[in-house]
Amino acid sequence: MRSIVGIVAVLLITSTVLILAVMRVKEKPTPSIQTLTIGDARLDVTLADTYEKREQGLSGKPKMAENEGMLFTFPVSGTWTFWMNDMLFDLDFIYIKDQQVIAVKERIPAPKNNNGTVALIEPKKEFDWMVEVNAGWVENNTIKIGDRVRLQ
């Protein structure tokens, strides 16, 4: 039994290392700010297209303009977990796969609005991109599952 557990542990560690290595090799930074269209709504997004940019995210940023967001892109689809560490304002998340909205998570609280608790957000579906926008943006712009997404 112990040998099976050991083998499984080694396989999990090895696969994690390989996935991270593939992610770093496939990453090619693109221009920082681009326009993203979701359905009929447009916003300027800062790209988080490298491991370092994704890790930093919006942490520590005091605020965002109304039609501003951060677009997290990944070299492979997955169910990537996000956290609200050092966030100073609440967010909506928009999950995208194959240039289509597949899920949304609204009004995720910043730690200061959540009794100091850092929220961990674990999606249920695999996605290619995820957009962080100000809380309320999804509702205000009538974003829904199935909306087409275009990056310009």
Protein backbone atom coordinates (compact mmCIF):
# COMPACT_ATOMS: atom_id res chain seq x y z
CA MET A 1 0.00 0.00 0.00
CA ARG A 2 2.80 2.43 0.88
CA SER A 3 4.53 1.78 -2.42
CA ILE A 4 1.34 2.63 -4.34
CA VAL A 5 0.94 5.88 -2.40
CA GLY A 6 4.60 6.70 -3.08
CA ILE A 7 4.23 6.04 -6.79
CA VAL A 8 1.08 8.16 -6.98
CA ALA A 9 2.84 11.01 -5.13
CA VAL A 10 5.82 10.88 -7.49
CA LEU A 11 3.51 10.85 -10.53
CA LEU A 12 1.54 13.86 -9.24
CA ILE A 13 4.69 15.86 -8.54
CA THR A 14 6.21 14.95 -11.90
CA SER A 15 3.05 15.85 -13.83
CA THR A 16 2.75 19.18 -12.00
CA VAL A 17 6.37 20.06 -12.82
CA LEU A 18 5.85 19.11 -16.47
CA ILE A 19 2.66 21.18 -16.76
CA LEU A 20 4.39 24.23 -15.26
CA ALA A 21 7.36 23.75 -17.61
CA VAL A 22 5.06 23.54 -20.65
CA MET A 23 3.23 26.67 -19.50
CA ARG A 24 6.45 28.66 -19.26
CA VAL A 25 7.72 27.47 -22.66
CA LYS A 26 4.46 28.32 -24.47
CA GLU A 27 4.09 31.78 -22.94
CA LYS A 28 4.77 34.64 -25.30
CA PRO A 29 4.00 38.06 -23.80
CA THR A 30 1.83 40.28 -25.97
CA PRO A 31 1.16 44.03 -25.80
CA SER A 32 -0.02 45.02 -22.32
CA ILE A 33 -3.37 46.67 -23.02
CA GLN A 34 -5.88 45.51 -25.61
CA THR A 35 -9.60 45.87 -26.26
CA LEU A 36 -11.84 42.95 -25.36
CA THR A 37 -15.41 42.69 -26.64
CA ILE A 38 -17.83 40.46 -24.73
CA GLY A 39 -21.22 40.34 -26.42
CA ASP A 40 -21.94 44.04 -27.07
CA ALA A 41 -19.73 45.34 -24.24
CA ARG A 42 -16.17 46.57 -24.68
CA LEU A 43 -13.42 47.06 -22.17
CA ASP A 44 -9.71 47.77 -22.08
CA VAL A 45 -7.85 44.86 -20.57
CA THR A 46 -4.36 44.52 -19.20
CA LEU A 47 -3.02 41.13 -20.19
CA ALA A 48 -1.76 38.69 -17.60
CA ASP A 49 -0.12 36.30 -20.04
CA THR A 50 2.92 35.09 -18.11
CA TYR A 51 3.22 33.22 -14.84
CA GLU A 52 4.56 36.32 -13.08
CA LYS A 53 1.77 38.59 -14.36
CA ARG A 54 -0.89 36.05 -13.43
CA GLU A 55 0.57 35.64 -9.95
CA GLN A 56 0.56 39.43 -9.38
CA GLY A 57 -2.84 40.02 -10.98
CA LEU A 58 -4.61 43.06 -9.56
CA SER A 59 -3.17 42.61 -6.05
CA GLY A 60 -2.42 45.94 -4.44
CA LYS A 61 -4.08 48.01 -7.19
CA PRO A 62 -6.31 50.62 -5.50
CA LYS A 63 -9.04 50.67 -8.19
CA MET A 64 -9.92 50.17 -11.86
CA ALA A 65 -11.77 52.42 -14.28
CA GLU A 66 -15.36 51.42 -15.09
CA ASN A 67 -14.57 49.72 -18.43
CA GLU A 68 -11.19 48.32 -17.47
CA GLY A 69 -10.23 44.76 -16.59
CA MET A 70 -7.46 42.19 -16.47
CA LEU A 71 -7.43 39.29 -18.91
CA PHE A 72 -5.69 36.15 -17.66
CA THR A 73 -4.61 33.89 -20.53
CA PHE A 74 -3.21 30.38 -20.23
CA PRO A 75 -1.21 28.24 -22.66
CA VAL A 76 -3.44 25.25 -21.88
CA SER A 77 -7.07 24.99 -20.74
CA GLY A 78 -7.60 24.12 -17.09
CA THR A 79 -9.54 24.80 -13.91
CA TRP A 80 -7.12 27.37 -12.57
CA THR A 81 -7.78 28.56 -9.00
CA PHE A 82 -7.69 32.28 -8.20
CA TRP A 83 -7.35 34.03 -4.85
CA MET A 84 -8.15 37.54 -3.69
CA ASN A 85 -4.84 38.09 -1.90
CA ASP A 86 -4.06 41.78 -1.34
CA MET A 87 -7.16 42.82 -3.33
CA LEU A 88 -8.55 46.22 -2.40
CA PHE A 89 -11.90 46.07 -4.22
CA ASP A 90 -14.56 43.49 -5.13
CA LEU A 91 -14.57 41.78 -8.53
CA ASP A 92 -16.65 39.87 -11.06
CA PHE A 93 -14.99 36.95 -12.92
CA ILE A 94 -15.85 35.99 -16.50
CA TYR A 95 -14.63 32.57 -17.65
CA ILE A 96 -14.02 32.06 -21.37
CA LYS A 97 -13.33 28.99 -23.49
CA ASP A 98 -13.01 28.95 -27.27
CA GLN A 99 -13.92 32.67 -27.40
CA GLN A 100 -17.24 32.17 -25.61
CA VAL A 101 -18.38 32.97 -22.06
CA ILE A 102 -18.86 29.66 -20.23
CA ALA A 103 -19.37 30.90 -16.64
CA VAL A 104 -19.44 34.02 -14.47
CA LYS A 105 -18.84 34.58 -10.77
CA GLU A 106 -20.17 37.88 -9.49
CA ARG A 107 -19.33 40.14 -6.56
CA ILE A 108 -16.33 38.29 -5.17
CA PRO A 109 -15.37 40.19 -2.03
CA ALA A 110 -11.96 41.71 -1.36
CA PRO A 111 -10.55 40.64 2.05
CA LYS A 112 -11.45 44.02 3.63
CA ASN A 113 -15.10 43.39 2.68
CA ASN A 114 -15.00 39.74 3.76
CA ASN A 115 -13.94 39.97 7.44
CA GLY A 116 -10.30 39.77 6.34
CA THR A 117 -10.80 36.38 4.70
CA VAL A 118 -9.00 35.83 1.38
CA ALA A 119 -11.46 34.21 -1.01
CA LEU A 120 -10.31 31.26 -3.13
CA ILE A 121 -12.25 30.88 -6.35
CA GLU A 122 -12.25 27.43 -7.90
CA PRO A 123 -14.12 27.10 -11.20
CA LYS A 124 -16.08 23.99 -12.09
CA LYS A 125 -15.23 24.05 -15.82
CA GLU A 126 -12.01 24.24 -17.79
CA PHE A 127 -11.31 27.61 -19.39
CA ASP A 128 -8.68 29.32 -21.60
CA TRP A 129 -9.13 32.90 -20.40
CA MET A 130 -10.57 34.62 -17.36
CA VAL A 131 -11.41 38.31 -17.07
CA GLU A 132 -11.49 40.23 -13.80
CA VAL A 133 -13.70 43.32 -13.85
CA ASN A 134 -15.15 45.60 -11.20
CA ALA A 135 -17.97 44.05 -9.18
CA GLY A 136 -21.29 44.80 -10.88
CA TRP A 137 -19.79 45.04 -14.39
CA VAL A 138 -21.28 41.69 -15.49
CA GLU A 139 -24.77 42.73 -14.40
CA ASN A 140 -24.48 46.31 -15.72
CA ASN A 141 -23.40 45.03 -19.15
CA THR A 142 -25.81 42.08 -19.28
CA ILE A 143 -23.02 39.54 -19.77
CA LYS A 144 -24.36 36.01 -20.09
CA ILE A 145 -23.17 32.50 -20.78
CA GLY A 146 -22.81 31.99 -24.53
CA ASP A 147 -21.72 35.57 -25.31
CA ARG A 148 -19.01 35.68 -27.96
CA VAL A 149 -15.64 37.18 -27.00
CA ARG A 150 -13.14 38.97 -29.24
CA LEU A 151 -9.69 40.31 -28.39
CA GLN A 152 -8.45 43.17 -30.57
